[in-house]
Amino acid sequence: MPSFADEQPRVSILMPMRNAANYVEQALRSILIEDGVRLEVVVVDDGSTDDSRALVESLADPRLRLIDGPCEGIAAAYNAALRASRGDIVMRCDADDLYPPQRIARQVAWLDAHPEYGAICGGFSAMDSRGGSRVRFDTPEEAGEINAELLNGETPTHFCTFAVRADVLQRTGGMRSFFLTGEDIDLQLRVGEGCRVWYSPEIAYHYRIHDESITHMRHAQENLFFENLAREFQRQRKLTGADDLSRGHAPPVPDFGKADGGTARSHMQEQLISSTWSASGDGDHLMGIRHAFHGMLAKPTSLRGWLNLLVALSKLPPGALRQKFRGTSAKT
């Protein structure tokens, strides 16, 4: 295995972390298993009160850099990691998520072969709190440049699937701390204004759905407020070259009260229901039934999950199961 510990990293992976003891070791191992790229992982401990910091230190990998965060929100933590980074390609991984094998090498090789592009991104999947029930989010299945979508305020995928040249991120100024959530959508749209972005449909990220995530610890309307505002700011920049935030006229943030971002089980069930009909629409009814079954298991007390499973079963063409088993038998 090549040793890149003392060399200038090609890639910096930025990881904001706050109380992620249940997941951070698994997240880091999914990155550090990569052995063909000079990389560093800049972990920002943003005020953890659990064992997160000790777990990071226990890995004792020279490619890990642990720094203290400003404790001013996830955007500020990300920017602290960006300032400390040394690679010429930058990626992000949240402390509760996972990278698939060879994602880093694949994206680096693509950027090296296409210097006219400033970023590449990919598909991503959802998983439950245990890392199981992985289902693809509804991301494009065809490769292609996505600047037209980004310039129209559309975000076809998650920012954590992006590999971005460091100079592009430096020109954008990083994340904007006004965004208490949706900061990644705002940055993704601004990256699309600053360089050409390629999308490749391979899964580049595994997103964990659990009740301690930022999504579920904030009010659903707060999440929606900032996501919509990121797109409104993009529309303003498209029309005038600037937005209200950059002009110093950011709108007031309402008091959203107690968080009601929904439970992780509900979120996972909705994703599986969506995947049920995406698979069925592609003609893969058996995969649709599989997603529907797991959707029912995600929240067995939900009538919606049971109804979805029943409808999926009713759409199964006659003889499909028999044909499936016959095909399986022929291979044995």
Foldseek 3Di string as FASTA:
>chain_A
DDDQLPPQFQEEEEEEDAQLVVAQLVAVCLVVVDDPGRYAYEYEHLDHPDCVVVSQVVVVDSSYHYYYFPNLADQRSRVVSLVVHGHQKYAYDYRRWHWHPPLVVVQVVVCVVPVQFFKEFEWAWEAESVRDPTDTFPADADKDWCLVQLLQLHDRHFRNRMIGGSVLCVVLVGFDSVQNPLSRSLVVSSSSVRHIYIYHHPHGIYHYQACPDPLNQAALVSNVVRSVVSSVQSVVCSVPVGGCVVVVNDDDRDDPPGHHSDGSLVVLLVRLLVRLVVCVVVVNLVVSLVSLVVSCVSPVVDPVSVVSNVVSVVPDDPCPVVVVVVVVVVVD
